[in-house]
Amino acid sequence: MTGIILFDGVCNFCNGSVQFIIKRDQNKYFKFASLQSEVGAKLLTEYGVNSSLDSFVLIEDGKLYTKSEAALRVCRSLNGLWKWGYAFRIIPLPIRNWIYDMIAKNRYRWFGKRDSCMIPSKEDQERFLV
């Protein structure tokens, strides 16, 4: 079983998040694709989601999750204390997504933006869908 994470490939914060996940996903449960990639666009279409979606996405067990729900589900699968991040699900979804949206809205301004999607290291290439 594998979880697939779709992320904004030109966002520095999103790329940093992917690197964070890779380091804490010792079982290599997650695979990755940028939202801008053909694979990302195909998966969004497959799940009936508009390709202009601007959110962190997790596909797991045949279901698509976005925003805070996706992020917290990822925490649940990480090694170490990060699993406890899933406990934030007790916060009502509208509040969690409001916080998520605030960060997402400002991510380029706060963390910067790349001209192109990141290129994974040789060690991590197998984890990226192309």
C-alpha atoms as a PDB file:
ATOM      1  CA  MET A   1       0.000   0.000   0.000  1.00  0.00           C
ATOM      2  CA  THR A   2       1.237   3.468  -0.916  1.00  0.00           C
ATOM      3  CA  GLY A   3       0.076   7.005  -0.316  1.00  0.00           C
ATOM      4  CA  ILE A   4       0.560   9.508  -3.113  1.00  0.00           C
ATOM      5  CA  ILE A   5       1.258  13.149  -2.307  1.00  0.00           C
ATOM      6  CA  LEU A   6       0.663  15.843  -4.917  1.00  0.00           C
ATOM      7  CA  PHE A   7       2.355  19.151  -4.150  1.00  0.00           C
ATOM      8  CA  ASP A   8       3.080  22.540  -5.712  1.00  0.00           C
ATOM      9  CA  GLY A   9       6.424  21.861  -7.379  1.00  0.00           C
ATOM     10  CA  VAL A  10       7.469  25.513  -7.627  1.00  0.00           C
ATOM     11  CA  CYS A  11       6.681  26.426  -4.005  1.00  0.00           C
ATOM     12  CA  ASN A  12       9.710  26.479  -1.691  1.00  0.00           C
ATOM     13  CA  PHE A  13       7.547  25.689   1.353  1.00  0.00           C
ATOM     14  CA  CYS A  14       5.945  22.721  -0.440  1.00  0.00           C
ATOM     15  CA  ASN A  15       9.304  21.396  -1.609  1.00  0.00           C
ATOM     16  CA  GLY A  16      10.643  21.737   1.935  1.00  0.00           C
ATOM     17  CA  SER A  17       7.600  19.828   3.189  1.00  0.00           C
ATOM     18  CA  VAL A  18       8.299  17.001   0.737  1.00  0.00           C
ATOM     19  CA  GLN A  19      11.916  16.794   1.944  1.00  0.00           C
ATOM     20  CA  PHE A  20      10.649  16.806   5.554  1.00  0.00           C
ATOM     21  CA  ILE A  21       8.292  13.912   4.784  1.00  0.00           C
ATOM     22  CA  ILE A  22      10.957  11.899   2.950  1.00  0.00           C
ATOM     23  CA  LYS A  23      13.297  12.107   5.963  1.00  0.00           C
ATOM     24  CA  ARG A  24      10.570  10.908   8.352  1.00  0.00           C
ATOM     25  CA  ASP A  25       8.995   8.271   6.113  1.00  0.00           C
ATOM     26  CA  GLN A  26      11.443   5.459   6.780  1.00  0.00           C
ATOM     27  CA  ASN A  27       9.075   2.832   5.366  1.00  0.00           C
ATOM     28  CA  LYS A  28       8.893   4.734   2.053  1.00  0.00           C
ATOM     29  CA  TYR A  29       5.116   4.663   2.203  1.00  0.00           C
ATOM     30  CA  PHE A  30       4.689   7.900   0.242  1.00  0.00           C
ATOM     31  CA  LYS A  31       5.270   8.560  -3.441  1.00  0.00           C
ATOM     32  CA  PHE A  32       5.295  12.124  -4.793  1.00  0.00           C
ATOM     33  CA  ALA A  33       4.285  14.072  -7.896  1.00  0.00           C
ATOM     34  CA  SER A  34       3.975  17.783  -8.488  1.00  0.00           C
ATOM     35  CA  LEU A  35       0.579  19.230  -9.274  1.00  0.00           C
ATOM     36  CA  GLN A  36       2.177  20.710 -12.424  1.00  0.00           C
ATOM     37  CA  SER A  37       3.300  17.317 -13.756  1.00  0.00           C
ATOM     38  CA  GLU A  38       1.430  15.130 -16.237  1.00  0.00           C
ATOM     39  CA  VAL A  39       1.058  12.481 -13.526  1.00  0.00           C
ATOM     40  CA  GLY A  40      -0.377  15.046 -11.102  1.00  0.00           C
ATOM     41  CA  ALA A  41      -2.851  16.373 -13.671  1.00  0.00           C
ATOM     42  CA  LYS A  42      -3.876  12.838 -14.639  1.00  0.00           C
ATOM     43  CA  LEU A  43      -4.517  11.842 -11.025  1.00  0.00           C
ATOM     44  CA  LEU A  44      -6.596  14.955 -10.378  1.00  0.00           C
ATOM     45  CA  THR A  45      -8.683  14.210 -13.468  1.00  0.00           C
ATOM     46  CA  GLU A  46      -9.034  10.565 -12.399  1.00  0.00           C
ATOM     47  CA  TYR A  47     -10.465  11.712  -9.065  1.00  0.00           C
ATOM     48  CA  GLY A  48     -12.731  14.314 -10.655  1.00  0.00           C
ATOM     49  CA  VAL A  49     -10.849  17.306  -9.266  1.00  0.00           C
ATOM     50  CA  ASN A  50     -10.273  20.530 -11.182  1.00  0.00           C
ATOM     51  CA  SER A  51      -6.679  20.646 -12.443  1.00  0.00           C
ATOM     52  CA  SER A  52      -6.346  24.205 -11.134  1.00  0.00           C
ATOM     53  CA  LEU A  53      -6.546  22.877  -7.563  1.00  0.00           C
ATOM     54  CA  ASP A  54      -4.007  24.736  -5.460  1.00  0.00           C
ATOM     55  CA  SER A  55      -3.689  22.485  -2.432  1.00  0.00           C
ATOM     56  CA  PHE A  56      -1.592  19.798  -0.861  1.00  0.00           C
ATOM     57  CA  VAL A  57      -3.207  16.509  -1.902  1.00  0.00           C
ATOM     58  CA  LEU A  58      -3.013  13.016  -0.471  1.00  0.00           C
ATOM     59  CA  ILE A  59      -4.403  10.006  -2.297  1.00  0.00           C
ATOM     60  CA  GLU A  60      -4.745   7.046   0.033  1.00  0.00           C
ATOM     61  CA  ASP A  61      -6.842   3.879  -0.125  1.00  0.00           C
ATOM     62  CA  GLY A  62      -8.612   5.153  -3.248  1.00  0.00           C
ATOM     63  CA  LYS A  63      -9.668   8.447  -1.616  1.00  0.00           C
ATOM     64  CA  LEU A  64      -8.429  11.970  -2.227  1.00  0.00           C
ATOM     65  CA  TYR A  65      -7.781  14.329   0.696  1.00  0.00           C
ATOM     66  CA  THR A  66      -6.829  17.998   0.533  1.00  0.00           C
ATOM     67  CA  LYS A  67      -5.683  20.829   2.756  1.00  0.00           C
ATOM     68  CA  SER A  68      -5.455  20.164   6.512  1.00  0.00           C
ATOM     69  CA  GLU A  69      -7.014  16.709   6.253  1.00  0.00           C
ATOM     70  CA  ALA A  70      -4.271  15.613   3.831  1.00  0.00           C
ATOM     71  CA  ALA A  71      -1.519  17.112   5.990  1.00  0.00           C
ATOM     72  CA  LEU A  72      -2.761  15.479   9.192  1.00  0.00           C
ATOM     73  CA  ARG A  73      -3.163  12.100   7.501  1.00  0.00           C
ATOM     74  CA  VAL A  74       0.447  12.362   6.351  1.00  0.00           C
ATOM     75  CA  CYS A  75       1.538  13.062   9.944  1.00  0.00           C
ATOM     76  CA  ARG A  76      -0.184   9.856  11.024  1.00  0.00           C
ATOM     77  CA  SER A  77       2.139   7.825   8.778  1.00  0.00           C
ATOM     78  CA  LEU A  78       5.438   9.486   9.719  1.00  0.00           C
ATOM     79  CA  ASN A  79       7.981   8.041  12.113  1.00  0.00           C
ATOM     80  CA  GLY A  80       8.546   9.428  15.583  1.00  0.00           C
ATOM     81  CA  LEU A  81       6.478  11.972  17.451  1.00  0.00           C
ATOM     82  CA  TRP A  82       5.068  13.412  14.212  1.00  0.00           C
ATOM     83  CA  LYS A  83       2.324  10.761  14.388  1.00  0.00           C
ATOM     84  CA  TRP A  84       0.825  12.808  17.228  1.00  0.00           C
ATOM     85  CA  GLY A  85       0.106  15.614  14.761  1.00  0.00           C
ATOM     86  CA  TYR A  86      -2.937  13.602  13.733  1.00  0.00           C
ATOM     87  CA  ALA A  87      -4.471  14.534  17.098  1.00  0.00           C
ATOM     88  CA  PHE A  88      -5.129  18.020  15.670  1.00  0.00           C
ATOM     89  CA  ARG A  89      -8.130  16.449  13.907  1.00  0.00           C
ATOM     90  CA  ILE A  90     -10.074  17.349  17.041  1.00  0.00           C
ATOM     91  CA  ILE A  91      -9.981  20.955  15.800  1.00  0.00           C
ATOM     92  CA  PRO A  92     -13.048  21.537  13.609  1.00  0.00           C
ATOM     93  CA  LEU A  93     -12.313  21.259   9.876  1.00  0.00           C
ATOM     94  CA  PRO A  94     -13.353  24.855   9.035  1.00  0.00           C
ATOM     95  CA  ILE A  95     -10.842  26.222  11.557  1.00  0.00           C
ATOM     96  CA  ARG A  96      -8.066  23.863  10.403  1.00  0.00           C
ATOM     97  CA  ASN A  97      -8.681  24.765   6.761  1.00  0.00           C
ATOM     98  CA  TRP A  98      -8.802  28.494   7.563  1.00  0.00           C
ATOM     99  CA  ILE A  99      -5.279  28.194   9.027  1.00  0.00           C
ATOM    100  CA  TYR A 100      -4.191  26.058   6.066  1.00  0.00           C
ATOM    101  CA  ASP A 101      -5.627  28.593   3.589  1.00  0.00           C
ATOM    102  CA  MET A 102      -3.855  31.478   5.334  1.00  0.00           C
ATOM    103  CA  ILE A 103      -0.490  29.747   4.963  1.00  0.00           C
ATOM    104  CA  ALA A 104      -1.239  28.626   1.389  1.00  0.00           C
ATOM    105  CA  LYS A 105      -2.294  32.126   0.361  1.00  0.00           C
ATOM    106  CA  ASN A 106       0.998  33.606   1.596  1.00  0.00           C
ATOM    107  CA  ARG A 107       3.409  30.762   0.867  1.00  0.00           C
ATOM    108  CA  TYR A 108       5.133  32.397  -2.131  1.00  0.00           C
ATOM    109  CA  ARG A 109       5.548  35.689  -0.286  1.00  0.00           C
ATOM    110  CA  TRP A 110       6.814  34.094   2.928  1.00  0.00           C
ATOM    111  CA  PHE A 111       8.908  31.239   1.515  1.00  0.00           C
ATOM    112  CA  GLY A 112       9.551  32.127  -2.134  1.00  0.00           C
ATOM    113  CA  LYS A 113       8.950  30.421  -5.423  1.00  0.00           C
ATOM    114  CA  ARG A 114      11.136  28.491  -7.886  1.00  0.00           C
ATOM    115  CA  ASP A 115      11.232  28.890 -11.643  1.00  0.00           C
ATOM    116  CA  SER A 116      10.732  25.150 -12.131  1.00  0.00           C
ATOM    117  CA  CYS A 117       9.876  22.019 -10.189  1.00  0.00           C
ATOM    118  CA  MET A 118      12.519  20.488  -7.964  1.00  0.00           C
ATOM    119  CA  ILE A 119      14.650  17.620  -9.219  1.00  0.00           C
ATOM    120  CA  PRO A 120      14.861  14.820  -6.658  1.00  0.00           C
ATOM    121  CA  SER A 121      18.237  13.441  -5.583  1.00  0.00           C
ATOM    122  CA  LYS A 122      19.336  10.084  -6.994  1.00  0.00           C
ATOM    123  CA  GLU A 123      18.433   8.410  -3.701  1.00  0.00           C
ATOM    124  CA  ASP A 124      14.890   9.795  -3.811  1.00  0.00           C
ATOM    125  CA  GLN A 125      14.086   9.476  -7.537  1.00  0.00           C
ATOM    126  CA  GLU A 126      12.286   6.168  -7.054  1.00  0.00           C
ATOM    127  CA  ARG A 127       9.784   7.956  -4.797  1.00  0.00           C
ATOM    128  CA  PHE A 128       8.686  10.413  -7.505  1.00  0.00           C
ATOM    129  CA  LEU A 129       6.074   9.505 -10.096  1.00  0.00           C
ATOM    130  CA  VAL A 130       6.855  10.633 -13.630  1.00  0.00           C
END
